[in-house]
Amino acid sequence: MDLSFYKSSLSEEIRDEGRTEGRAEGIARGILLLLAQAGVDVPEEARERVMGCADLDILSRWLLRAPTATSVEDVFAVG
């Protein structure tokens, strides 16, 4: 059985993409958990925006804002 694919640059790229997606999903879930813990109402549209975001920098920014947010708009605020 030829296992060379598993050592190829393509397979490594696929694994890296999967890791990034997993990190993004984990951060997004963390944001939603923090907001729920704080009693912040998160409409479905906002939940989809958080869960659909794949940009780790944006998600990290939102994650830092989530613990002190009093509304979902606080998380998404620009600046």
N, C-alpha and C. Protein backbone atom coordinates (compact mmCIF):
# COMPACT_ATOMS: atom_id res chain seq x y z
N MET A 1 0.84 -1.17 0.00
CA MET A 1 0.00 0.00 0.00
C MET A 1 0.89 1.25 0.00
N ASP A 2 0.62 2.15 -0.92
CA ASP A 2 1.41 3.38 -1.06
C ASP A 2 0.89 4.44 -0.08
N LEU A 3 1.72 4.84 0.86
CA LEU A 3 1.34 5.84 1.86
C LEU A 3 1.98 7.20 1.61
N SER A 4 2.56 7.38 0.43
CA SER A 4 3.26 8.62 0.14
C SER A 4 2.34 9.84 0.18
N PHE A 5 1.05 9.66 -0.12
CA PHE A 5 0.12 10.80 -0.08
C PHE A 5 0.11 11.44 1.30
N TYR A 6 0.17 10.63 2.34
CA TYR A 6 0.08 11.14 3.71
C TYR A 6 1.29 11.98 4.11
N LYS A 7 2.36 11.89 3.33
CA LYS A 7 3.56 12.68 3.60
C LYS A 7 3.73 13.83 2.61
N SER A 8 2.80 13.96 1.70
CA SER A 8 2.92 14.96 0.64
C SER A 8 2.57 16.36 1.15
N SER A 9 2.98 17.36 0.40
CA SER A 9 2.67 18.74 0.77
C SER A 9 1.17 19.00 0.69
N LEU A 10 0.50 18.34 -0.24
CA LEU A 10 -0.95 18.50 -0.35
C LEU A 10 -1.66 17.98 0.90
N SER A 11 -1.25 16.83 1.38
CA SER A 11 -1.90 16.29 2.57
C SER A 11 -1.60 17.17 3.78
N GLU A 12 -0.42 17.72 3.85
CA GLU A 12 -0.08 18.62 4.96
C GLU A 12 -0.92 19.90 4.89
N GLU A 13 -1.13 20.40 3.68
CA GLU A 13 -1.96 21.58 3.49
C GLU A 13 -3.41 21.30 3.93
N ILE A 14 -3.91 20.14 3.59
CA ILE A 14 -5.26 19.74 3.99
C ILE A 14 -5.35 19.64 5.51
N ARG A 15 -4.36 19.06 6.14
CA ARG A 15 -4.35 18.95 7.61
C ARG A 15 -4.29 20.33 8.26
N ASP A 16 -3.46 21.22 7.72
CA ASP A 16 -3.37 22.58 8.27
C ASP A 16 -4.69 23.31 8.16
N GLU A 17 -5.36 23.14 7.03
CA GLU A 17 -6.66 23.78 6.84
C GLU A 17 -7.67 23.25 7.86
N GLY A 18 -7.64 21.97 8.10
CA GLY A 18 -8.53 21.37 9.09
C GLY A 18 -8.24 21.88 10.50
N ARG A 19 -6.97 22.04 10.82
CA ARG A 19 -6.59 22.56 12.14
C ARG A 19 -7.09 23.99 12.31
N THR A 20 -6.94 24.81 11.28
CA THR A 20 -7.39 26.20 11.34
C THR A 20 -8.91 26.26 11.51
N GLU A 21 -9.62 25.43 10.75
CA GLU A 21 -11.08 25.40 10.88
C GLU A 21 -11.49 24.97 12.29
N GLY A 22 -10.78 23.99 12.83
CA GLY A 22 -11.07 23.53 14.19
C GLY A 22 -10.82 24.61 15.23
N ARG A 23 -9.74 25.35 15.07
CA ARG A 23 -9.45 26.46 15.99
C ARG A 23 -10.53 27.53 15.90
N ALA A 24 -10.91 27.87 14.68
CA ALA A 24 -11.94 28.89 14.49
C ALA A 24 -13.25 28.46 15.14
N GLU A 25 -13.62 27.21 14.94
CA GLU A 25 -14.87 26.73 15.54
C GLU A 25 -14.79 26.75 17.06
N GLY A 26 -13.66 26.38 17.61
CA GLY A 26 -13.48 26.39 19.06
C GLY A 26 -13.57 27.79 19.64
N ILE A 27 -12.94 28.74 18.99
CA ILE A 27 -13.00 30.13 19.46
C ILE A 27 -14.42 30.66 19.35
N ALA A 28 -15.09 30.36 18.24
CA ALA A 28 -16.47 30.82 18.05
C ALA A 28 -17.38 30.27 19.14
N ARG A 29 -17.23 29.00 19.45
CA ARG A 29 -18.04 28.41 20.52
C ARG A 29 -17.73 29.07 21.86
N GLY A 30 -16.47 29.38 22.08
CA GLY A 30 -16.08 30.07 23.31
C GLY A 30 -16.73 31.43 23.44
N ILE A 31 -16.77 32.16 22.35
CA ILE A 31 -17.42 33.48 22.33
C ILE A 31 -18.89 33.34 22.72
N LEU A 32 -19.57 32.39 22.10
CA LEU A 32 -21.00 32.20 22.38
C LEU A 32 -21.22 31.73 23.82
N LEU A 33 -20.34 30.91 24.34
CA LEU A 33 -20.46 30.47 25.74
C LEU A 33 -20.27 31.63 26.71
N LEU A 34 -19.29 32.47 26.44
CA LEU A 34 -19.07 33.63 27.30
C LEU A 34 -20.27 34.57 27.29
N LEU A 35 -20.83 34.79 26.11
CA LEU A 35 -21.99 35.66 26.01
C LEU A 35 -23.20 35.06 26.74
N ALA A 36 -23.39 33.76 26.59
CA ALA A 36 -24.49 33.09 27.28
C ALA A 36 -24.31 33.18 28.79
N GLN A 37 -23.09 32.97 29.26
CA GLN A 37 -22.79 33.04 30.69
C GLN A 37 -23.08 34.44 31.23
N ALA A 38 -22.85 35.45 30.41
CA ALA A 38 -23.09 36.83 30.84
C ALA A 38 -24.55 37.24 30.66
N GLY A 39 -25.37 36.35 30.12
CA GLY A 39 -26.78 36.65 29.93
C GLY A 39 -27.05 37.55 28.74
N VAL A 40 -26.11 37.63 27.81
CA VAL A 40 -26.27 38.45 26.61
C VAL A 40 -27.10 37.68 25.59
N ASP A 41 -28.16 38.30 25.12
CA ASP A 41 -29.00 37.70 24.09
C ASP A 41 -28.24 37.70 22.76
N VAL A 42 -28.16 36.55 22.13
CA VAL A 42 -27.48 36.42 20.85
C VAL A 42 -28.50 35.95 19.81
N PRO A 43 -28.97 36.88 18.99
CA PRO A 43 -29.93 36.49 17.93
C PRO A 43 -29.29 35.49 16.96
N GLU A 44 -30.12 34.75 16.28
CA GLU A 44 -29.65 33.72 15.36
C GLU A 44 -28.70 34.30 14.30
N GLU A 45 -28.99 35.48 13.81
CA GLU A 45 -28.13 36.11 12.80
C GLU A 45 -26.71 36.34 13.35
N ALA A 46 -26.63 36.79 14.59
CA ALA A 46 -25.32 37.02 15.22
C ALA A 46 -24.62 35.69 15.49
N ARG A 47 -25.37 34.70 15.91
CA ARG A 47 -24.80 33.36 16.16
C ARG A 47 -24.20 32.81 14.86
N GLU A 48 -24.91 32.97 13.76
CA GLU A 48 -24.41 32.52 12.47
C GLU A 48 -23.17 33.30 12.05
N ARG A 49 -23.15 34.58 12.36
CA ARG A 49 -21.98 35.40 12.02
C ARG A 49 -20.75 34.91 12.78
N VAL A 50 -20.93 34.62 14.05
CA VAL A 50 -19.81 34.13 14.86
C VAL A 50 -19.36 32.76 14.37
N MET A 51 -20.30 31.84 14.23
CA MET A 51 -19.94 30.47 13.84
C MET A 51 -19.44 30.40 12.40
N GLY A 52 -19.83 31.35 11.56
CA GLY A 52 -19.41 31.34 10.16
C GLY A 52 -18.09 32.03 9.91
N CYS A 53 -17.55 32.69 10.92
CA CYS A 53 -16.30 33.41 10.75
C CYS A 53 -15.12 32.44 10.80
N ALA A 54 -14.23 32.53 9.83
CA ALA A 54 -13.06 31.67 9.78
C ALA A 54 -11.77 32.45 10.00
N ASP A 55 -11.88 33.76 10.22
CA ASP A 55 -10.71 34.62 10.40
C ASP A 55 -10.29 34.59 11.87
N LEU A 56 -9.16 33.97 12.17
CA LEU A 56 -8.73 33.82 13.55
C LEU A 56 -8.44 35.15 14.23
N ASP A 57 -7.98 36.14 13.48
CA ASP A 57 -7.73 37.46 14.07
C ASP A 57 -9.02 38.13 14.52
N ILE A 58 -10.03 38.07 13.69
CA ILE A 58 -11.33 38.66 14.04
C ILE A 58 -11.93 37.91 15.22
N LEU A 59 -11.91 36.58 15.16
CA LEU A 59 -12.45 35.79 16.25
C LEU A 59 -11.73 36.08 17.57
N SER A 60 -10.43 36.24 17.52
CA SER A 60 -9.68 36.56 18.73
C SER A 60 -10.08 37.91 19.30
N ARG A 61 -10.29 38.87 18.43
CA ARG A 61 -10.76 40.19 18.85
C ARG A 61 -12.12 40.09 19.54
N TRP A 62 -13.02 39.33 18.92
CA TRP A 62 -14.35 39.15 19.50
C TRP A 62 -14.27 38.41 20.83
N LEU A 63 -13.39 37.43 20.90
CA LEU A 63 -13.22 36.67 22.13
C LEU A 63 -12.76 37.56 23.28
N LEU A 64 -11.87 38.49 23.00
CA LEU A 64 -11.40 39.41 24.03
C LEU A 64 -12.49 40.37 24.49
N ARG A 65 -13.42 40.69 23.61
CA ARG A 65 -14.50 41.61 23.95
C ARG A 65 -15.66 40.91 24.67
N ALA A 66 -15.84 39.63 24.41
CA ALA A 66 -17.01 38.90 24.91
C ALA A 66 -17.19 38.95 26.44
N PRO A 67 -16.14 38.83 27.24
CA PRO A 67 -16.36 38.80 28.69
C PRO A 67 -16.94 40.09 29.27
N THR A 68 -16.72 41.21 28.62
CA THR A 68 -17.22 42.48 29.14
C THR A 68 -18.39 43.03 28.35
N ALA A 69 -18.84 42.28 27.36
CA ALA A 69 -19.94 42.74 26.50
C ALA A 69 -21.27 42.71 27.25
N THR A 70 -22.06 43.73 27.00
CA THR A 70 -23.42 43.76 27.54
C THR A 70 -24.43 43.54 26.42
N SER A 71 -23.94 43.53 25.20
CA SER A 71 -24.77 43.21 24.04
C SER A 71 -23.87 42.61 22.98
N VAL A 72 -24.48 41.95 22.02
CA VAL A 72 -23.70 41.34 20.95
C VAL A 72 -23.04 42.43 20.09
N GLU A 73 -23.65 43.60 20.04
CA GLU A 73 -23.05 44.73 19.31
C GLU A 73 -21.70 45.13 19.91
N ASP A 74 -21.56 44.96 21.21
CA ASP A 74 -20.26 45.25 21.86
C ASP A 74 -19.16 44.37 21.31
N VAL A 75 -19.50 43.14 21.01
CA VAL A 75 -18.52 42.19 20.49
C VAL A 75 -18.11 42.56 19.07
N PHE A 76 -19.08 42.96 18.26
CA PHE A 76 -18.83 43.26 16.85
C PHE A 76 -18.34 44.69 16.61
N ALA A 77 -18.30 45.50 17.62
CA ALA A 77 -17.92 46.91 17.46
C ALA A 77 -16.59 47.05 16.75
N VAL A 78 -16.51 48.03 15.88
CA VAL A 78 -15.27 48.31 15.15
C VAL A 78 -14.41 49.23 15.99
N GLY A 79 -13.15 48.90 16.06
CA GLY A 79 -12.25 49.80 16.79
C GLY A 79 -11.54 49.17 17.92
